[in-house]
PDB file of all heavy atoms in Angstrom:
ATOM      1  N   LEU A   1     113.317 215.838  10.585  1.00  0.00           N
ATOM      2  CA  LEU A   1     112.487 216.410  11.648  1.00  0.00           C
ATOM      3  C   LEU A   1     112.916 217.840  11.993  1.00  0.00           C
ATOM      4  O   LEU A   1     112.126 218.623  12.501  1.00  0.00           O
ATOM      5  CB  LEU A   1     112.552 215.536  12.903  1.00  0.00           C
ATOM      6  CG  LEU A   1     111.837 214.191  12.842  1.00  0.00           C
ATOM      7  CD1 LEU A   1     112.117 213.388  14.098  1.00  0.00           C
ATOM      8  CD2 LEU A   1     110.320 214.385  12.661  1.00  0.00           C
ATOM      9  N   ARG A   2     114.156 218.172  11.693  1.00  0.00           N
ATOM     10  CA  ARG A   2     114.698 219.492  11.993  1.00  0.00           C
ATOM     11  C   ARG A   2     114.548 220.472  10.822  1.00  0.00           C
ATOM     12  O   ARG A   2     114.779 221.672  11.003  1.00  0.00           O
ATOM     13  CB  ARG A   2     116.185 219.371  12.349  1.00  0.00           C
ATOM     14  CG  ARG A   2     116.475 218.443  13.520  1.00  0.00           C
ATOM     15  CD  ARG A   2     117.965 218.124  13.584  1.00  0.00           C
ATOM     16  NE  ARG A   2     118.298 217.068  14.527  1.00  0.00           N
ATOM     17  CZ  ARG A   2     118.745 217.265  15.766  1.00  0.00           C
ATOM     18  NH1 ARG A   2     118.933 218.493  16.209  1.00  0.00           N
ATOM     19  NH2 ARG A   2     119.033 216.251  16.558  1.00  0.00           N
ATOM     20  N   LEU A   3     114.231 219.954   9.642  1.00  0.00           N
ATOM     21  CA  LEU A   3     114.129 220.790   8.441  1.00  0.00           C
ATOM     22  C   LEU A   3     112.690 221.225   8.190  1.00  0.00           C
ATOM     23  O   LEU A   3     111.748 220.488   8.483  1.00  0.00           O
ATOM     24  CB  LEU A   3     114.637 220.022   7.215  1.00  0.00           C
ATOM     25  CG  LEU A   3     116.106 219.592   7.211  1.00  0.00           C
ATOM     26  CD1 LEU A   3     116.381 218.708   5.998  1.00  0.00           C
ATOM     27  CD2 LEU A   3     117.021 220.820   7.193  1.00  0.00           C
ATOM     28  N   GLU A   4     112.522 222.386   7.609  1.00  0.00           N
ATOM     29  CA  GLU A   4     111.177 222.830   7.220  1.00  0.00           C
ATOM     30  C   GLU A   4     110.625 221.979   6.087  1.00  0.00           C
ATOM     31  O   GLU A   4     109.438 221.691   6.029  1.00  0.00           O
ATOM     32  CB  GLU A   4     111.213 224.309   6.797  1.00  0.00           C
ATOM     33  CG  GLU A   4     111.442 225.276   7.942  1.00  0.00           C
ATOM     34  CD  GLU A   4     111.333 226.714   7.493  1.00  0.00           C
ATOM     35  OE1 GLU A   4     110.896 226.966   6.352  1.00  0.00           O
ATOM     36  OE2 GLU A   4     111.694 227.596   8.299  1.00  0.00           O
ATOM     37  N   THR A   5     111.507 221.598   5.152  1.00  0.00           N
ATOM     38  CA  THR A   5     111.116 220.748   4.031  1.00  0.00           C
ATOM     39  C   THR A   5     112.017 219.526   4.010  1.00  0.00           C
ATOM     40  O   THR A   5     113.241 219.647   3.973  1.00  0.00           O
ATOM     41  CB  THR A   5     111.251 221.503   2.694  1.00  0.00           C
ATOM     42  OG1 THR A   5     110.464 222.697   2.751  1.00  0.00           O
ATOM     43  CG2 THR A   5     110.783 220.634   1.531  1.00  0.00           C
ATOM     44  N   SER A   6     111.407 218.351   4.033  1.00  0.00           N
ATOM     45  CA  SER A   6     112.180 217.115   4.042  1.00  0.00           C
ATOM     46  C   SER A   6     112.975 216.961   2.751  1.00  0.00           C
ATOM     47  O   SER A   6     112.574 217.442   1.685  1.00  0.00           O
ATOM     48  CB  SER A   6     111.241 215.912   4.202  1.00  0.00           C
ATOM     49  OG  SER A   6     110.616 215.946   5.460  1.00  0.00           O
ATOM     50  N   ILE A   7     114.098 216.280   2.853  1.00  0.00           N
ATOM     51  CA  ILE A   7     114.931 216.011   1.687  1.00  0.00           C
ATOM     52  C   ILE A   7     115.105 214.505   1.524  1.00  0.00           C
ATOM     53  O   ILE A   7     114.875 213.732   2.461  1.00  0.00           O
ATOM     54  CB  ILE A   7     116.313 216.688   1.788  1.00  0.00           C
ATOM     55  CG1 ILE A   7     117.086 216.153   3.000  1.00  0.00           C
ATOM     56  CG2 ILE A   7     116.169 218.200   1.847  1.00  0.00           C
ATOM     57  CD1 ILE A   7     118.524 216.614   3.051  1.00  0.00           C
ATOM     58  N   ALA A   8     115.509 214.110   0.333  1.00  0.00           N
ATOM     59  CA  ALA A   8     115.693 212.696   0.036  1.00  0.00           C
ATOM     60  C   ALA A   8     117.111 212.252   0.346  1.00  0.00           C
ATOM     61  O   ALA A   8     118.043 213.064   0.396  1.00  0.00           O
ATOM     62  CB  ALA A   8     115.368 212.429  -1.436  1.00  0.00           C
ATOM     63  N   MET A   9     117.285 210.950   0.503  1.00  0.00           N
ATOM     64  CA  MET A   9     118.605 210.385   0.776  1.00  0.00           C
ATOM     65  C   MET A   9     119.581 210.660  -0.358  1.00  0.00           C
ATOM     66  O   MET A   9     120.801 210.739  -0.142  1.00  0.00           O
ATOM     67  CB  MET A   9     118.473 208.872   1.008  1.00  0.00           C
ATOM     68  CG  MET A   9     119.753 208.173   1.417  1.00  0.00           C
ATOM     69  SD  MET A   9     120.375 208.678   3.053  1.00  0.00           S
ATOM     70  CE  MET A   9     119.396 207.595   4.126  1.00  0.00           C
ATOM     71  N   ASN A  10     119.067 210.841  -1.594  1.00  0.00           N
ATOM     72  CA  ASN A  10     119.985 211.024  -2.726  1.00  0.00           C
ATOM     73  C   ASN A  10     120.814 212.296  -2.629  1.00  0.00           C
ATOM     74  O   ASN A  10     121.819 212.441  -3.331  1.00  0.00           O
ATOM     75  CB  ASN A  10     119.232 210.965  -4.063  1.00  0.00           C
ATOM     76  CG  ASN A  10     118.198 212.066  -4.239  1.00  0.00           C
ATOM     77  OD1 ASN A  10     118.147 213.041  -3.493  1.00  0.00           O
ATOM     78  ND2 ASN A  10     117.367 211.898  -5.261  1.00  0.00           N
ATOM     79  N   ARG A  11     120.445 213.245  -1.760  1.00  0.00           N
ATOM     80  CA  ARG A  11     121.290 214.425  -1.546  1.00  0.00           C
ATOM     81  C   ARG A  11     122.688 214.030  -1.056  1.00  0.00           C
ATOM     82  O   ARG A  11     123.664 214.728  -1.307  1.00  0.00           O
ATOM     83  CB  ARG A  11     120.670 215.352  -0.500  1.00  0.00           C
ATOM     84  CG  ARG A  11     119.365 216.010  -0.889  1.00  0.00           C
ATOM     85  CD  ARG A  11     119.603 217.156  -1.872  1.00  0.00           C
ATOM     86  NE  ARG A  11     118.392 217.941  -2.010  1.00  0.00           N
ATOM     87  CZ  ARG A  11     118.148 219.093  -1.413  1.00  0.00           C
ATOM     88  NH1 ARG A  11     119.080 219.624  -0.644  1.00  0.00           N
ATOM     89  NH2 ARG A  11     117.014 219.726  -1.594  1.00  0.00           N
ATOM     90  N   PHE A  12     122.782 212.900  -0.344  1.00  0.00           N
ATOM     91  CA  PHE A  12     124.032 212.515   0.311  1.00  0.00           C
ATOM     92  C   PHE A  12     124.804 211.437  -0.445  1.00  0.00           C
ATOM     93  O   PHE A  12     125.894 211.060  -0.034  1.00  0.00           O
ATOM     94  CB  PHE A  12     123.739 212.062   1.741  1.00  0.00           C
ATOM     95  CG  PHE A  12     123.126 213.143   2.581  1.00  0.00           C
ATOM     96  CD1 PHE A  12     121.772 213.148   2.874  1.00  0.00           C
ATOM     97  CD2 PHE A  12     123.909 214.193   3.058  1.00  0.00           C
ATOM     98  CE1 PHE A  12     121.201 214.164   3.640  1.00  0.00           C
ATOM     99  CE2 PHE A  12     123.353 215.204   3.824  1.00  0.00           C
ATOM    100  CZ  PHE A  12     121.995 215.191   4.109  1.00  0.00           C
ATOM    101  N   ARG A  13     124.232 210.901  -1.507  1.00  0.00           N
ATOM    102  CA  ARG A  13     124.914 210.009  -2.427  1.00  0.00           C
ATOM    103  C   ARG A  13     125.590 208.811  -1.741  1.00  0.00           C
ATOM    104  O   ARG A  13     126.767 208.514  -1.971  1.00  0.00           O
ATOM    105  CB  ARG A  13     125.930 210.800  -3.268  1.00  0.00           C
ATOM    106  CG  ARG A  13     125.281 212.001  -3.956  1.00  0.00           C
ATOM    107  CD  ARG A  13     126.245 212.826  -4.742  1.00  0.00           C
ATOM    108  NE  ARG A  13     126.762 212.103  -5.887  1.00  0.00           N
ATOM    109  CZ  ARG A  13     126.102 211.910  -7.039  1.00  0.00           C
ATOM    110  NH1 ARG A  13     124.860 212.385  -7.186  1.00  0.00           N
ATOM    111  NH2 ARG A  13     126.656 211.245  -8.031  1.00  0.00           N
ATOM    112  N   PRO A  14     124.830 208.073  -0.898  1.00  0.00           N
ATOM    113  CA  PRO A  14     125.426 206.895  -0.249  1.00  0.00           C
ATOM    114  C   PRO A  14     125.528 205.725  -1.216  1.00  0.00           C
ATOM    115  O   PRO A  14     124.806 205.652  -2.223  1.00  0.00           O
ATOM    116  CB  PRO A  14     124.435 206.585   0.866  1.00  0.00           C
ATOM    117  CG  PRO A  14     123.111 207.021   0.291  1.00  0.00           C
ATOM    118  CD  PRO A  14     123.427 208.260  -0.512  1.00  0.00           C
ATOM    119  N   ALA A  15     126.413 204.802  -0.905  1.00  0.00           N
ATOM    120  CA  ALA A  15     126.457 203.518  -1.615  1.00  0.00           C
ATOM    121  C   ALA A  15     125.537 202.514  -0.928  1.00  0.00           C
ATOM    122  O   ALA A  15     124.818 201.762  -1.584  1.00  0.00           O
ATOM    123  CB  ALA A  15     127.880 202.992  -1.673  1.00  0.00           C
ATOM    124  N   LEU A  16     125.562 202.519   0.414  1.00  0.00           N
ATOM    125  CA  LEU A  16     124.745 201.594   1.191  1.00  0.00           C
ATOM    126  C   LEU A  16     123.881 202.362   2.177  1.00  0.00           C
ATOM    127  O   LEU A  16     124.362 203.275   2.859  1.00  0.00           O
ATOM    128  CB  LEU A  16     125.634 200.608   1.960  1.00  0.00           C
ATOM    129  CG  LEU A  16     126.630 199.779   1.137  1.00  0.00           C
ATOM    130  CD1 LEU A  16     127.452 198.884   2.057  1.00  0.00           C
ATOM    131  CD2 LEU A  16     125.921 198.959   0.077  1.00  0.00           C
ATOM    132  N   VAL A  17     122.606 201.998   2.237  1.00  0.00           N
ATOM    133  CA  VAL A  17     121.680 202.569   3.219  1.00  0.00           C
ATOM    134  C   VAL A  17     121.177 201.430   4.096  1.00  0.00           C
ATOM    135  O   VAL A  17     120.675 200.417   3.588  1.00  0.00           O
ATOM    136  CB  VAL A  17     120.491 203.275   2.535  1.00  0.00           C
ATOM    137  CG1 VAL A  17     119.508 203.804   3.582  1.00  0.00           C
ATOM    138  CG2 VAL A  17     120.979 204.416   1.651  1.00  0.00           C
ATOM    139  N   VAL A  18     121.355 201.589   5.394  1.00  0.00           N
ATOM    140  CA  VAL A  18     120.952 200.553   6.348  1.00  0.00           C
ATOM    141  C   VAL A  18     119.729 201.033   7.121  1.00  0.00           C
ATOM    142  O   VAL A  18     119.670 202.187   7.569  1.00  0.00           O
ATOM    143  CB  VAL A  18     122.107 200.224   7.323  1.00  0.00           C
ATOM    144  CG1 VAL A  18     121.653 199.239   8.394  1.00  0.00           C
ATOM    145  CG2 VAL A  18     123.292 199.657   6.550  1.00  0.00           C
ATOM    146  N   LYS A  19     118.755 200.154   7.258  1.00  0.00           N
ATOM    147  CA  LYS A  19     117.565 200.447   8.063  1.00  0.00           C
ATOM    148  C   LYS A  19     117.964 200.425   9.526  1.00  0.00           C
ATOM    149  O   LYS A  19     118.309 199.381  10.091  1.00  0.00           O
ATOM    150  CB  LYS A  19     116.483 199.404   7.784  1.00  0.00           C
ATOM    151  CG  LYS A  19     115.199 199.603   8.570  1.00  0.00           C
ATOM    152  CD  LYS A  19     114.455 200.851   8.117  1.00  0.00           C
ATOM    153  CE  LYS A  19     113.107 200.974   8.847  1.00  0.00           C
ATOM    154  NZ  LYS A  19     112.411 202.235   8.469  1.00  0.00           N
ATOM    155  N   THR A  20     117.928 201.604  10.167  1.00  0.00           N
ATOM    156  CA  THR A  20     118.356 201.733  11.563  1.00  0.00           C
ATOM    157  C   THR A  20     117.243 202.342  12.407  1.00  0.00           C
ATOM    158  O   THR A  20     116.307 202.967  11.881  1.00  0.00           O
ATOM    159  CB  THR A  20     119.623 202.599  11.676  1.00  0.00           C
ATOM    160  OG1 THR A  20     119.370 203.870  11.055  1.00  0.00           O
ATOM    161  CG2 THR A  20     120.808 201.943  11.007  1.00  0.00           C
ATOM    162  N   SER A  21     117.354 202.202  13.706  1.00  0.00           N
ATOM    163  CA  SER A  21     116.368 202.784  14.627  1.00  0.00           C
ATOM    164  C   SER A  21     116.951 203.913  15.460  1.00  0.00           C
ATOM    165  O   SER A  21     116.214 204.693  16.055  1.00  0.00           O
ATOM    166  CB  SER A  21     115.809 201.701  15.560  1.00  0.00           C
ATOM    167  OG  SER A  21     116.856 201.079  16.287  1.00  0.00           O
ATOM    168  N   GLU A  22     118.295 204.026  15.518  1.00  0.00           N
ATOM    169  CA  GLU A  22     118.969 205.058  16.300  1.00  0.00           C
ATOM    170  C   GLU A  22     119.675 206.030  15.360  1.00  0.00           C
ATOM    171  O   GLU A  22     120.513 205.624  14.545  1.00  0.00           O
ATOM    172  CB  GLU A  22     119.985 204.443  17.251  1.00  0.00           C
ATOM    173  CG  GLU A  22     119.391 203.501  18.290  1.00  0.00           C
ATOM    174  CD  GLU A  22     118.573 204.247  19.336  1.00  0.00           C
ATOM    175  OE1 GLU A  22     118.880 205.432  19.571  1.00  0.00           O
ATOM    176  OE2 GLU A  22     117.653 203.638  19.895  1.00  0.00           O
ATOM    177  N   ALA A  23     119.363 207.315  15.476  1.00  0.00           N
ATOM    178  CA  ALA A  23     119.990 208.326  14.624  1.00  0.00           C
ATOM    179  C   ALA A  23     121.499 208.375  14.846  1.00  0.00           C
ATOM    180  O   ALA A  23     121.962 208.363  15.990  1.00  0.00           O
ATOM    181  CB  ALA A  23     119.380 209.695  14.897  1.00  0.00           C
ATOM    182  N   PHE A  24     122.246 208.371  13.782  1.00  0.00           N
ATOM    183  CA  PHE A  24     123.716 208.509  13.778  1.00  0.00           C
ATOM    184  C   PHE A  24     124.420 207.365  14.483  1.00  0.00           C
ATOM    185  O   PHE A  24     125.575 207.484  14.875  1.00  0.00           O
ATOM    186  CB  PHE A  24     124.130 209.869  14.362  1.00  0.00           C
ATOM    187  CG  PHE A  24     123.398 211.009  13.701  1.00  0.00           C
ATOM    188  CD1 PHE A  24     122.404 211.693  14.376  1.00  0.00           C
ATOM    189  CD2 PHE A  24     123.680 211.357  12.382  1.00  0.00           C
ATOM    190  CE1 PHE A  24     121.704 212.719  13.754  1.00  0.00           C
ATOM    191  CE2 PHE A  24     122.977 212.378  11.757  1.00  0.00           C
ATOM    192  CZ  PHE A  24     121.989 213.064  12.438  1.00  0.00           C
ATOM    193  N   ASP A  25     123.723 206.248  14.625  1.00  0.00           N
ATOM    194  CA  ASP A  25     124.359 205.078  15.229  1.00  0.00           C
ATOM    195  C   ASP A  25     125.546 204.617  14.399  1.00  0.00           C
ATOM    196  O   ASP A  25     126.547 204.122  14.944  1.00  0.00           O
ATOM    197  CB  ASP A  25     123.336 203.944  15.359  1.00  0.00           C
ATOM    198  CG  ASP A  25     123.859 202.783  16.175  1.00  0.00           C
ATOM    199  OD1 ASP A  25     124.242 203.001  17.336  1.00  0.00           O
ATOM    200  OD2 ASP A  25     123.918 201.655  15.641  1.00  0.00           O
ATOM    201  N   GLU A  26     125.472 204.791  13.066  1.00  0.00           N
ATOM    202  CA  GLU A  26     126.561 204.335  12.186  1.00  0.00           C
ATOM    203  C   GLU A  26     127.874 205.064  12.448  1.00  0.00           C
ATOM    204  O   GLU A  26     128.951 204.585  12.051  1.00  0.00           O
ATOM    205  CB  GLU A  26     126.164 204.485  10.707  1.00  0.00           C
ATOM    206  CG  GLU A  26     125.921 205.891  10.226  1.00  0.00           C
ATOM    207  CD  GLU A  26     124.485 206.369  10.430  1.00  0.00           C
ATOM    208  OE1 GLU A  26     123.758 205.770  11.250  1.00  0.00           O
ATOM    209  OE2 GLU A  26     124.104 207.347   9.761  1.00  0.00           O
ATOM    210  N   ASP A  27     127.822 206.212  13.128  1.00  0.00           N
ATOM    211  CA  ASP A  27     129.055 206.925  13.490  1.00  0.00           C
ATOM    212  C   ASP A  27     130.016 206.034  14.281  1.00  0.00           C
ATOM    213  O   ASP A  27     131.238 206.229  14.231  1.00  0.00           O
ATOM    214  CB  ASP A  27     128.739 208.139  14.371  1.00  0.00           C
ATOM    215  CG  ASP A  27     128.056 209.270  13.622  1.00  0.00           C
ATOM    216  OD1 ASP A  27     127.773 209.115  12.420  1.00  0.00           O
ATOM    217  OD2 ASP A  27     127.817 210.321  14.251  1.00  0.00           O
ATOM    218  N   TYR A  28     129.461 205.080  15.026  1.00  0.00           N
ATOM    219  CA  TYR A  28     130.239 204.307  15.990  1.00  0.00           C
ATOM    220  C   TYR A  28     130.572 202.902  15.498  1.00  0.00           C
ATOM    221  O   TYR A  28     131.126 202.112  16.245  1.00  0.00           O
ATOM    222  CB  TYR A  28     129.468 204.226  17.313  1.00  0.00           C
ATOM    223  CG  TYR A  28     129.123 205.583  17.864  1.00  0.00           C
ATOM    224  CD1 TYR A  28     127.910 206.189  17.531  1.00  0.00           C
ATOM    225  CD2 TYR A  28     130.015 206.277  18.670  1.00  0.00           C
ATOM    226  CE1 TYR A  28     127.596 207.462  18.004  1.00  0.00           C
ATOM    227  CE2 TYR A  28     129.707 207.546  19.146  1.00  0.00           C
ATOM    228  CZ  TYR A  28     128.495 208.127  18.809  1.00  0.00           C
ATOM    229  OH  TYR A  28     128.187 209.386  19.279  1.00  0.00           O
ATOM    230  N   TRP A  29     130.272 202.601  14.241  1.00  0.00           N
ATOM    231  CA  TRP A  29     130.487 201.250  13.731  1.00  0.00           C
ATOM    232  C   TRP A  29     131.943 201.076  13.315  1.00  0.00           C
ATOM    233  O   TRP A  29     132.334 201.361  12.191  1.00  0.00           O
ATOM    234  CB  TRP A  29     129.579 200.965  12.545  1.00  0.00           C
ATOM    235  CG  TRP A  29     128.112 200.976  12.884  1.00  0.00           C
ATOM    236  CD1 TRP A  29     127.548 201.246  14.095  1.00  0.00           C
ATOM    237  CD2 TRP A  29     127.035 200.724  11.986  1.00  0.00           C
ATOM    238  NE1 TRP A  29     126.183 201.178  14.020  1.00  0.00           N
ATOM    239  CE2 TRP A  29     125.840 200.859  12.733  1.00  0.00           C
ATOM    240  CE3 TRP A  29     126.961 200.400  10.641  1.00  0.00           C
ATOM    241  CZ2 TRP A  29     124.583 200.681  12.156  1.00  0.00           C
ATOM    242  CZ3 TRP A  29     125.713 200.216  10.059  1.00  0.00           C
ATOM    243  CH2 TRP A  29     124.542 200.349  10.815  1.00  0.00           C
ATOM    244  N   ALA A  30     132.744 200.580  14.229  1.00  0.00           N
ATOM    245  CA  ALA A  30     134.157 200.341  13.924  1.00  0.00           C
ATOM    246  C   ALA A  30     134.318 199.087  13.072  1.00  0.00           C
ATOM    247  O   ALA A  30     135.052 199.079  12.087  1.00  0.00           O
ATOM    248  CB  ALA A  30     134.955 200.215  15.211  1.00  0.00           C
ATOM    249  N   ASP A  31     133.625 198.015  13.445  1.00  0.00           N
ATOM    250  CA  ASP A  31     133.607 196.777  12.667  1.00  0.00           C
ATOM    251  C   ASP A  31     132.167 196.297  12.575  1.00  0.00           C
ATOM    252  O   ASP A  31     131.436 196.294  13.581  1.00  0.00           O
ATOM    253  CB  ASP A  31     134.454 195.683  13.321  1.00  0.00           C
ATOM    254  CG  ASP A  31     135.941 196.013  13.323  1.00  0.00           C
ATOM    255  OD1 ASP A  31     136.500 196.189  12.226  1.00  0.00           O
ATOM    256  OD2 ASP A  31     136.517 196.117  14.424  1.00  0.00           O
ATOM    257  N   PHE A  32     131.771 195.860  11.393  1.00  0.00           N
ATOM    258  CA  PHE A  32     130.416 195.345  11.223  1.00  0.00           C
ATOM    259  C   PHE A  32     130.384 194.401  10.037  1.00  0.00           C
ATOM    260  O   PHE A  32     131.312 194.356   9.216  1.00  0.00           O
ATOM    261  CB  PHE A  32     129.404 196.478  11.056  1.00  0.00           C
ATOM    262  CG  PHE A  32     129.569 197.318   9.816  1.00  0.00           C
ATOM    263  CD1 PHE A  32     128.807 197.081   8.682  1.00  0.00           C
ATOM    264  CD2 PHE A  32     130.487 198.358   9.784  1.00  0.00           C
ATOM    265  CE1 PHE A  32     128.957 197.849   7.535  1.00  0.00           C
ATOM    266  CE2 PHE A  32     130.638 199.144   8.652  1.00  0.00           C
ATOM    267  CZ  PHE A  32     129.872 198.890   7.513  1.00  0.00           C
ATOM    268  N   SER A  33     129.322 193.622   9.983  1.00  0.00           N
ATOM    269  CA  SER A  33     129.166 192.676   8.870  1.00  0.00           C
ATOM    270  C   SER A  33     127.824 192.896   8.198  1.00  0.00           C
ATOM    271  O   SER A  33     126.850 193.331   8.827  1.00  0.00           O
ATOM    272  CB  SER A  33     129.280 191.232   9.362  1.00  0.00           C
ATOM    273  OG  SER A  33     128.233 190.937  10.271  1.00  0.00           O
ATOM    274  N   ILE A  34     127.780 192.611   6.916  1.00  0.00           N
ATOM    275  CA  ILE A  34     126.539 192.557   6.156  1.00  0.00           C
ATOM    276  C   ILE A  34     126.474 191.160   5.588  1.00  0.00           C
ATOM    277  O   ILE A  34     127.296 190.786   4.750  1.00  0.00           O
ATOM    278  CB  ILE A  34     126.488 193.618   5.035  1.00  0.00           C
ATOM    279  CG1 ILE A  34     126.667 195.022   5.618  1.00  0.00           C
ATOM    280  CG2 ILE A  34     125.171 193.521   4.272  1.00  0.00           C
ATOM    281  CD1 ILE A  34     126.704 196.131   4.572  1.00  0.00           C
ATOM    282  N   ASP A  35     125.525 190.375   6.080  1.00  0.00           N
ATOM    283  CA  ASP A  35     125.496 188.945   5.838  1.00  0.00           C
ATOM    284  C   ASP A  35     126.827 188.387   6.348  1.00  0.00           C
ATOM    285  O   ASP A  35     127.155 188.567   7.510  1.00  0.00           O
ATOM    286  CB  ASP A  35     125.235 188.651   4.362  1.00  0.00           C
ATOM    287  CG  ASP A  35     124.875 187.176   4.140  1.00  0.00           C
ATOM    288  OD1 ASP A  35     124.429 186.518   5.091  1.00  0.00           O
ATOM    289  OD2 ASP A  35     125.045 186.694   3.004  1.00  0.00           O
ATOM    290  N   ASP A  36     127.637 187.754   5.489  1.00  0.00           N
ATOM    291  CA  ASP A  36     128.914 187.208   5.974  1.00  0.00           C
ATOM    292  C   ASP A  36     130.110 188.036   5.518  1.00  0.00           C
ATOM    293  O   ASP A  36     131.264 187.607   5.664  1.00  0.00           O
ATOM    294  CB  ASP A  36     129.087 185.758   5.518  1.00  0.00           C
ATOM    295  CG  ASP A  36     129.088 185.617   4.002  1.00  0.00           C
ATOM    296  OD1 ASP A  36     128.730 186.597   3.306  1.00  0.00           O
ATOM    297  OD2 ASP A  36     129.433 184.532   3.504  1.00  0.00           O
ATOM    298  N   LEU A  37     129.876 189.244   4.985  1.00  0.00           N
ATOM    299  CA  LEU A  37     130.959 190.107   4.520  1.00  0.00           C
ATOM    300  C   LEU A  37     131.307 191.132   5.598  1.00  0.00           C
ATOM    301  O   LEU A  37     130.419 191.695   6.239  1.00  0.00           O
ATOM    302  CB  LEU A  37     130.553 190.818   3.228  1.00  0.00           C
ATOM    303  CG  LEU A  37     130.210 189.895   2.053  1.00  0.00           C
ATOM    304  CD1 LEU A  37     129.727 190.712   0.868  1.00  0.00           C
ATOM    305  CD2 LEU A  37     131.419 189.049   1.665  1.00  0.00           C
TER     306      LEU A  37
END
């Protein structure tokens, strides 16, 4: 929303992408689970 031209997630080379509703919420994830892991 801040860029003139949108970019793809592949610029940042993540291993895991989580569907979130709050921007930068993952900054605060000290402990979390994915399924039972």
